[in-house]
Protein backbone atom coordinates (compact mmCIF):
# COMPACT_ATOMS: atom_id res chain seq x y z
CA UNK A 1 -8.71 1.92 0.45
CA UNK A 2 -5.40 1.15 2.02
CA UNK A 3 -4.46 -2.30 3.33
CA UNK A 4 -4.23 -0.99 6.85
CA UNK A 5 -7.35 1.22 6.74
CA UNK A 6 -10.28 0.69 9.22
CA UNK A 7 -12.68 0.62 6.26
CA UNK A 8 -11.01 -2.41 4.59
CA UNK A 9 -11.07 -4.25 7.95
CA UNK A 10 -14.77 -3.29 8.56
CA UNK A 11 -15.80 -4.28 5.09
CA UNK A 12 -14.13 -7.74 5.29
CA UNK A 13 -15.70 -8.29 8.81
CA UNK A 14 -19.25 -7.33 7.52
CA UNK A 15 -18.85 -9.61 4.47
CA UNK A 16 -17.74 -12.61 6.73
CA UNK A 17 -20.87 -11.96 8.88
CA UNK A 18 -23.11 -11.80 5.90
CA UNK A 19 -21.72 -14.96 4.36
CA UNK A 20 -21.96 -16.79 7.69
CA UNK A 21 -25.65 -15.80 8.07
CA UNK A 22 -26.37 -16.68 4.46
CA UNK A 23 -24.72 -20.14 4.96
CA UNK A 24 -27.01 -20.93 7.88
CA UNK A 25 -30.09 -19.58 6.01
CA UNK A 26 -29.44 -21.47 2.72
CA UNK A 27 -28.17 -24.72 4.21
CA UNK A 28 -31.55 -26.46 4.31
CA UNK A 29 -31.96 -25.72 0.54
CA UNK A 30 -28.61 -27.23 -0.19
CA UNK A 31 -29.20 -30.54 1.72
CA UNK A 32 -29.62 -32.61 -1.48
CA UNK A 33 -27.09 -35.04 -2.76
CA UNK A 34 -27.01 -33.76 -6.36
CA UNK A 35 -23.82 -32.10 -7.69
CA UNK A 36 -25.40 -28.66 -7.56
CA UNK A 37 -26.22 -29.00 -3.84
CA UNK A 38 -22.81 -30.25 -3.03
CA UNK A 39 -21.07 -27.53 -4.86
CA UNK A 40 -23.33 -24.96 -3.27
CA UNK A 41 -22.29 -26.18 0.17
CA UNK A 42 -18.57 -26.32 -0.62
CA UNK A 43 -18.79 -22.92 -2.22
CA UNK A 44 -20.47 -21.28 0.76
CA UNK A 45 -18.07 -22.88 3.21
CA UNK A 46 -15.10 -22.03 1.11
CA UNK A 47 -15.98 -18.39 0.72
CA UNK A 48 -17.06 -17.94 4.33
CA UNK A 49 -13.73 -19.47 5.53
CA UNK A 50 -11.72 -17.25 3.27
CA UNK A 51 -13.36 -14.01 4.30
CA UNK A 52 -13.01 -15.14 8.01
CA UNK A 53 -9.25 -15.73 7.57
CA UNK A 54 -8.95 -12.51 5.51
CA UNK A 55 -10.53 -10.64 8.40
CA UNK A 56 -8.28 -12.06 10.98
CA UNK A 57 -5.32 -11.47 8.71
CA UNK A 58 -6.21 -7.81 8.17
CA UNK A 59 -6.63 -7.32 11.89
CA UNK A 60 -3.35 -8.89 12.73
CA UNK A 61 -1.56 -6.89 9.96
CA UNK A 62 -3.12 -3.62 11.32
CA UNK A 63 -1.89 -4.41 14.69
CA UNK A 64 1.61 -5.36 13.74
CA UNK A 65 1.98 -3.80 10.27
CA UNK A 66 3.80 -6.82 8.65
CA UNK A 67 2.76 -5.09 5.26
CA UNK A 68 2.30 -1.43 4.77
CA UNK A 69 0.32 -1.33 1.53
CA UNK A 70 -1.36 -3.65 -1.11
CA UNK A 71 1.85 -3.37 -3.30
CA UNK A 72 3.93 -4.31 -0.34
CA UNK A 73 1.76 -7.44 0.23
CA UNK A 74 1.99 -8.57 -3.31
CA UNK A 75 5.66 -7.67 -3.81
CA UNK A 76 5.03 -4.97 -6.34
CA UNK A 77 7.38 -1.91 -6.34
CA UNK A 78 5.60 1.35 -6.98
CA UNK A 79 8.31 3.80 -6.11
CA UNK A 80 9.65 5.61 -9.14
CA UNK A 81 13.47 5.70 -9.43
CA UNK A 82 15.24 8.84 -8.17
CA UNK A 83 18.42 10.07 -9.90
CA UNK A 84 21.18 10.54 -7.49
CA UNK A 85 24.06 12.89 -8.60
CA UNK A 86 27.38 11.75 -7.08
CA UNK A 87 29.44 14.46 -8.75
CA UNK A 88 31.35 17.09 -6.93
CA UNK A 89 29.08 19.60 -5.19
CA UNK A 90 25.97 17.47 -5.47
CA UNK A 91 23.74 17.31 -2.38
CA UNK A 92 23.73 14.13 -0.31
CA UNK A 93 20.14 14.55 0.78
CA UNK A 94 17.21 15.40 -1.45
CA UNK A 95 13.59 15.96 -0.23
CA UNK A 96 11.11 14.30 -2.59
CA UNK A 97 7.93 14.86 -0.69
CA UNK A 98 6.50 16.38 2.57
CA UNK A 99 3.50 15.42 4.64
CA UNK A 100 1.83 16.96 7.86
CA UNK A 101 1.21 15.17 11.12
CA UNK A 102 -2.00 13.40 12.04
CA UNK A 103 -2.56 15.86 15.05
CA UNK A 104 -4.87 18.78 15.54
CA UNK A 105 -3.59 21.49 13.31
CA UNK A 106 -0.94 19.00 11.90
CA UNK A 107 -1.18 20.48 8.40
CA UNK A 108 0.85 23.54 9.66
CA UNK A 109 4.55 22.66 10.26
CA UNK A 110 4.68 25.18 13.15
CA UNK A 111 1.87 23.32 14.85
CA UNK A 112 2.30 19.58 14.07
CA UNK A 113 5.83 19.45 12.67
CA UNK A 114 6.51 17.95 9.37
CA UNK A 115 7.53 14.65 8.01
CA UNK A 116 9.79 14.88 4.86
CA UNK A 117 10.40 11.92 2.49
CA UNK A 118 14.02 12.08 1.39
CA UNK A 119 16.70 10.22 -0.58
CA UNK A 120 20.14 10.14 1.04
CA UNK A 121 23.09 9.30 -1.11
CA UNK A 122 26.09 8.02 0.77
CA UNK A 123 29.30 9.83 0.02
CA UNK A 124 31.60 7.14 1.14
CA UNK A 125 29.37 4.01 0.88
CA UNK A 126 27.89 4.91 -2.51
CA UNK A 127 24.57 3.64 -1.28
CA UNK A 128 21.37 5.59 -1.94
CA UNK A 129 18.23 4.94 0.15
CA UNK A 130 14.85 6.39 1.03
CA UNK A 131 14.17 7.71 4.50
CA UNK A 132 11.73 9.75 6.45
CA UNK A 133 12.84 12.95 8.47
CA UNK A 134 10.52 14.24 11.22
CA UNK A 135 10.95 17.86 11.97
CA UNK A 136 9.28 19.02 15.32
CA UNK A 137 7.13 22.16 15.26
CA UNK A 138 9.88 24.14 17.04
CA UNK A 139 12.05 23.69 14.00
CA UNK A 140 9.73 26.10 12.18
CA UNK A 141 9.44 28.69 14.91
CA UNK A 142 11.14 32.04 14.17
CA UNK A 143 12.64 32.13 17.57
CA UNK A 144 14.47 28.83 17.00
CA UNK A 145 15.79 29.84 13.55
CA UNK A 146 19.36 29.95 14.70
CA UNK A 147 19.24 26.92 17.00
CA UNK A 148 20.26 23.38 16.40
CA UNK A 149 18.35 20.27 17.48
CA UNK A 150 19.36 16.73 18.76
CA UNK A 151 18.73 13.94 16.24
CA UNK A 152 18.15 10.17 16.45
CA UNK A 153 18.55 7.65 13.67
CA UNK A 154 15.64 5.20 13.92
CA UNK A 155 15.92 1.71 12.34
CA UNK A 156 13.38 -0.94 11.66
CA UNK A 157 13.87 -4.66 11.90
CA UNK A 158 14.41 -6.97 8.88
CA UNK A 159 12.62 -6.92 6.56
CA UNK A 160 10.47 -3.99 7.76
CA UNK A 161 9.73 -0.84 5.85
CA UNK A 162 10.41 2.64 6.89
CA UNK A 163 6.54 3.22 6.85
CA UNK A 164 6.35 0.91 9.85
CA UNK A 165 8.17 3.45 12.02
CA UNK A 166 5.57 6.05 11.08
CA UNK A 167 2.43 4.08 11.15
CA UNK A 168 3.06 0.87 13.27
CA UNK A 169 5.50 2.20 15.84
CA UNK A 170 4.31 5.86 15.74
CA UNK A 171 7.82 7.46 16.44
CA UNK A 172 6.82 10.95 15.10
CA UNK A 173 3.51 10.95 17.04
CA UNK A 174 5.33 9.82 20.17
CA UNK A 175 7.97 12.44 19.85
CA UNK A 176 5.34 15.09 19.34
CA UNK A 177 3.36 14.12 22.17
CA UNK A 178 6.21 13.71 24.61
CA UNK A 179 7.63 17.06 23.65
CA UNK A 180 4.14 18.70 24.11
CA UNK A 181 3.97 17.18 27.63
CA UNK A 182 7.59 18.48 28.45
CA UNK A 183 8.93 14.87 29.09
CA UNK A 184 11.44 15.12 26.20
CA UNK A 185 12.96 17.85 24.22
CA UNK A 186 12.07 18.56 20.50
CA UNK A 187 14.13 16.20 18.36
CA UNK A 188 14.72 15.39 14.69
CA UNK A 189 14.14 11.75 13.76
CA UNK A 190 15.69 10.18 10.68
CA UNK A 191 13.77 7.00 10.00
CA UNK A 192 14.59 4.16 7.65
CA UNK A 193 15.04 0.41 7.37
CA UNK A 194 18.64 -0.95 7.62
CA UNK A 195 17.86 -3.16 4.44
CA UNK A 196 19.71 -1.14 1.83
CA UNK A 197 20.22 -4.05 -0.55
CA UNK A 198 16.81 -5.83 -0.65
CA UNK A 199 16.04 -8.64 -0.20
CA UNK A 200 19.41 -9.26 1.31
CA UNK A 201 19.80 -8.77 5.19
CA UNK A 202 23.30 -7.21 5.45
CA UNK A 203 23.07 -6.90 9.28
CA UNK A 204 24.58 -3.39 9.22
CA UNK A 205 27.88 -4.88 8.15
CA UNK A 206 30.40 -3.66 5.51
CA UNK A 207 30.25 -6.63 3.28
CA UNK A 208 33.68 -7.29 1.53
CA UNK A 209 33.03 -6.55 -2.15
CA UNK A 210 29.37 -5.75 -1.25
CA UNK A 211 27.11 -3.28 0.30
CA UNK A 212 28.97 -0.89 2.82
CA UNK A 213 25.98 -0.80 5.09
CA UNK A 214 27.62 0.23 8.29
CA UNK A 215 29.46 3.08 6.59
CA UNK A 216 26.23 4.25 5.06
CA UNK A 217 24.17 4.16 8.30
CA UNK A 218 26.72 5.22 10.83
CA UNK A 219 28.73 7.84 8.82
CA UNK A 220 27.01 8.98 5.67
CA UNK A 221 23.64 9.50 6.99
CA UNK A 222 24.66 11.73 10.12
CA UNK A 223 26.91 13.67 7.86
CA UNK A 224 24.25 14.26 5.18
CA UNK A 225 21.53 15.14 7.77
CA UNK A 226 23.88 17.47 9.64
CA UNK A 227 24.54 19.35 6.43
CA UNK A 228 20.99 19.58 5.48
CA UNK A 229 19.30 20.37 8.79
CA UNK A 230 20.14 22.15 11.94
CA UNK A 231 21.72 19.23 13.65
CA UNK A 232 25.24 19.31 15.31
CA UNK A 233 27.90 16.85 14.58
CA UNK A 234 29.21 15.87 18.06
CA UNK A 235 28.19 12.53 19.91
CA UNK A 236 26.05 14.51 22.28
CA UNK A 237 23.85 15.56 19.29
CA UNK A 238 23.19 12.14 17.99
CA UNK A 239 21.39 8.92 19.12
CA UNK A 240 20.40 5.74 17.53
CA UNK A 241 17.43 3.43 18.31
CA UNK A 242 15.95 0.44 16.67
CA UNK A 243 13.94 -2.76 17.18
CA UNK A 244 15.09 -6.31 16.49
CA UNK A 245 17.65 -6.14 13.67
CA UNK A 246 17.48 -2.32 14.11
CA UNK A 247 18.15 -2.80 17.77
CA UNK A 248 21.19 -4.83 17.21
CA UNK A 249 22.54 -2.31 14.66
CA UNK A 250 21.75 0.59 17.13
CA UNK A 251 23.86 -1.03 19.98
CA UNK A 252 26.58 -1.92 17.35
CA UNK A 253 26.88 1.65 16.21
CA UNK A 254 26.96 3.04 19.79
CA UNK A 255 29.76 0.65 20.63
CA UNK A 256 31.94 1.04 17.45
CA UNK A 257 31.10 4.75 16.59
CA UNK A 258 31.19 6.66 19.94
CA UNK A 259 32.49 9.69 17.91
CA UNK A 260 29.15 9.83 16.30
CA UNK A 261 26.57 8.42 18.57
CA UNK A 262 26.25 9.42 22.24
CA UNK A 263 23.43 7.01 22.98
CA UNK A 264 22.21 3.66 21.54
CA UNK A 265 18.96 1.90 22.35
CA UNK A 266 18.23 -1.57 21.22
CA UNK A 267 14.53 -2.69 21.60
CA UNK A 268 14.43 -6.53 21.60
CA UNK A 269 17.90 -6.53 20.21
CA UNK A 270 20.02 -9.68 19.64
CA UNK A 271 23.82 -9.44 20.10
CA UNK A 272 25.46 -11.04 17.26
CA UNK A 273 25.03 -10.65 13.52
CA UNK A 274 22.83 -13.28 11.99
CA UNK A 275 24.24 -15.72 9.34
CA UNK A 276 21.65 -17.53 7.34
CA UNK A 277 20.17 -17.72 3.76
CA UNK A 278 18.95 -14.21 4.10
CA UNK A 279 22.34 -12.68 4.91
CA UNK A 280 24.63 -14.64 2.61
CA UNK A 281 28.26 -14.66 3.24
CA UNK A 282 28.86 -11.46 5.36
CA UNK A 283 32.46 -11.85 6.43
CA UNK A 284 34.16 -13.87 3.71
CA UNK A 285 36.22 -15.69 6.17
CA UNK A 286 37.40 -12.58 8.07
CA UNK A 287 37.44 -13.72 11.76
CA UNK A 288 38.20 -10.21 13.00
CA UNK A 289 34.95 -8.81 11.30
CA UNK A 290 32.94 -11.76 12.53
CA UNK A 291 34.17 -11.04 16.04
CA UNK A 292 33.55 -7.36 15.73
CA UNK A 293 29.92 -8.01 14.77
CA UNK A 294 29.46 -9.95 18.04
CA UNK A 295 28.54 -7.20 20.62
CA UNK A 296 29.51 -9.39 23.53
CA UNK A 297 32.96 -9.74 22.11
CA UNK A 298 33.11 -6.12 21.33
CA UNK A 299 32.35 -5.12 25.00
CA UNK A 300 35.23 -7.29 26.13
CA UNK A 301 37.72 -5.91 23.43
CA UNK A 302 36.75 -2.46 22.53
CA UNK A 303 37.99 0.56 24.77
CA UNK A 304 34.83 1.74 26.73
CA UNK A 305 33.59 5.30 25.86
CA UNK A 306 31.21 7.75 27.45
CA UNK A 307 28.36 6.22 25.33
CA UNK A 308 25.07 5.36 26.98
CA UNK A 309 23.18 2.05 26.19
CA UNK A 310 19.64 1.24 26.62
CA UNK A 311 18.34 -2.49 26.18
CA UNK A 312 15.00 -4.08 26.54
CA UNK A 313 13.54 -7.39 27.08
CA UNK A 314 10.53 -9.24 28.75
CA UNK A 315 10.53 -11.97 31.50
CA UNK A 316 8.17 -13.92 29.46
CA UNK A 317 7.73 -13.84 25.63
CA UNK A 318 11.15 -12.66 24.62
CA UNK A 319 14.12 -14.90 23.81
CA UNK A 320 16.82 -12.36 24.46
CA UNK A 321 16.41 -12.05 28.18
CA UNK A 322 19.46 -14.00 29.27
CA UNK A 323 21.70 -12.33 26.58
CA UNK A 324 20.30 -8.84 27.58
CA UNK A 325 21.31 -9.46 31.25
CA UNK A 326 24.78 -10.58 30.11
CA UNK A 327 25.06 -7.54 27.88
CA UNK A 328 24.24 -5.22 30.84
CA UNK A 329 26.88 -6.96 32.95
CA UNK A 330 29.62 -6.38 30.42
CA UNK A 331 29.24 -2.65 30.04
CA UNK A 332 32.26 -0.97 31.69
CA UNK A 333 32.77 2.72 32.87
CA UNK A 334 32.75 5.42 31.54
CA UNK A 335 29.90 3.89 29.43
CA UNK A 336 26.42 3.71 31.11
CA UNK A 337 23.73 1.21 30.63
CA UNK A 338 20.01 1.15 31.44
CA UNK A 339 17.30 -1.44 30.71
CA UNK A 340 13.56 -1.86 30.43
CA UNK A 341 12.22 -5.34 31.43
CA UNK A 342 8.57 -6.03 30.92
CA UNK A 343 6.82 -8.73 32.74
CA UNK A 344 5.22 -10.04 29.45
CA UNK A 345 5.86 -9.02 25.92
CA UNK A 346 6.69 -10.76 22.64
CA UNK A 347 8.89 -9.85 19.56
CA UNK A 348 6.17 -7.57 18.15
CA UNK A 349 4.96 -4.08 17.60
CA UNK A 350 2.65 -4.22 20.71
CA UNK A 351 5.65 -4.72 22.84
CA UNK A 352 7.76 -2.06 21.15
CA UNK A 353 4.91 0.55 21.50
CA UNK A 354 5.00 -0.05 25.19
CA UNK A 355 8.65 0.62 25.26
CA UNK A 356 9.17 3.52 22.80
CA UNK A 357 7.85 6.34 24.98
CA UNK A 358 10.20 5.50 27.85
CA UNK A 359 13.06 4.89 25.43
CA UNK A 360 12.57 8.35 23.70
CA UNK A 361 12.48 10.08 27.08
CA UNK A 362 15.75 8.16 28.04
CA UNK A 363 17.47 9.10 24.77
CA UNK A 364 16.33 12.79 25.00
CA UNK A 365 17.86 13.06 28.49
CA UNK A 366 21.26 12.05 27.16
CA UNK A 367 21.47 14.23 24.06
CA UNK A 368 21.91 17.94 23.70
CA UNK A 369 20.93 20.40 21.01
CA UNK A 370 24.50 21.85 20.60
């Protein structure tokens, strides 16, 4: 049973209740002062408390998906290595697994679409990373065989996993549902975490002498996907969206790569690259690169393009509201900016799940299939 399954949560809750009832029932028998009675009382209290905290922890993890699996929780890597061939003529994108959608008839790609687990090898960055690609049902329809689709690069926060985008934030299911209702067009989603050199947080920066994260995410991935799927290569074909660190990266790419992305959405984004023990030295004293990683500075100094921006915050619960308002005020034509401001909402999955449907509709309206 998986860490996020309902069965595990239910089992923990039942055991906690059983231990609580047992403690109440056995307490009179353990009222003595001998060492056995004392150990019995301590043992019952300890086990009951542990099960109670475990139940609360499992419930919180199921809601916010801090950890996607038992191996993720205990820091154990289970993924087998994938050989990536960087020689001439080698493919930049390799499909390693496929899965259906959790919808009625979802085992059939033409009904529910398909999620493909892939490995993308960056031609210029020399970075290789796993990702998930969601293909909508229409991608498999015969009448769409010669047509292209718009695509969105979807990024988690740090140190999230790509699985969070599928399970916790439900991007594929949202895209499927919205397209079925006709509120957005069918889109391809390319989902991964921006942490390409774990455990280091590279903040989507090309680190001097280190990981070329920005090149990988903003250049290599759109190129590899467009060569492997029916996706165009113009800005109107590509958007980028993310939460927290992923939101910062999305806005950064939309500012600095308008030739690739026509729209960028930052959910609970911050506006300057973090510099702390998790990032290490990102800029090696290069003031220009540090300034470039400051989105407010960039809006003041980079020539505006026709890119569209979406930013989100909450009047209560988010720390980025003031900076979000400042960002909106700095966007200059021909760029356009929109915002979502909730009355209440924290920096968590519950908040982002409330924003994603509207954000996906917004992005769909700004992208074209060809």
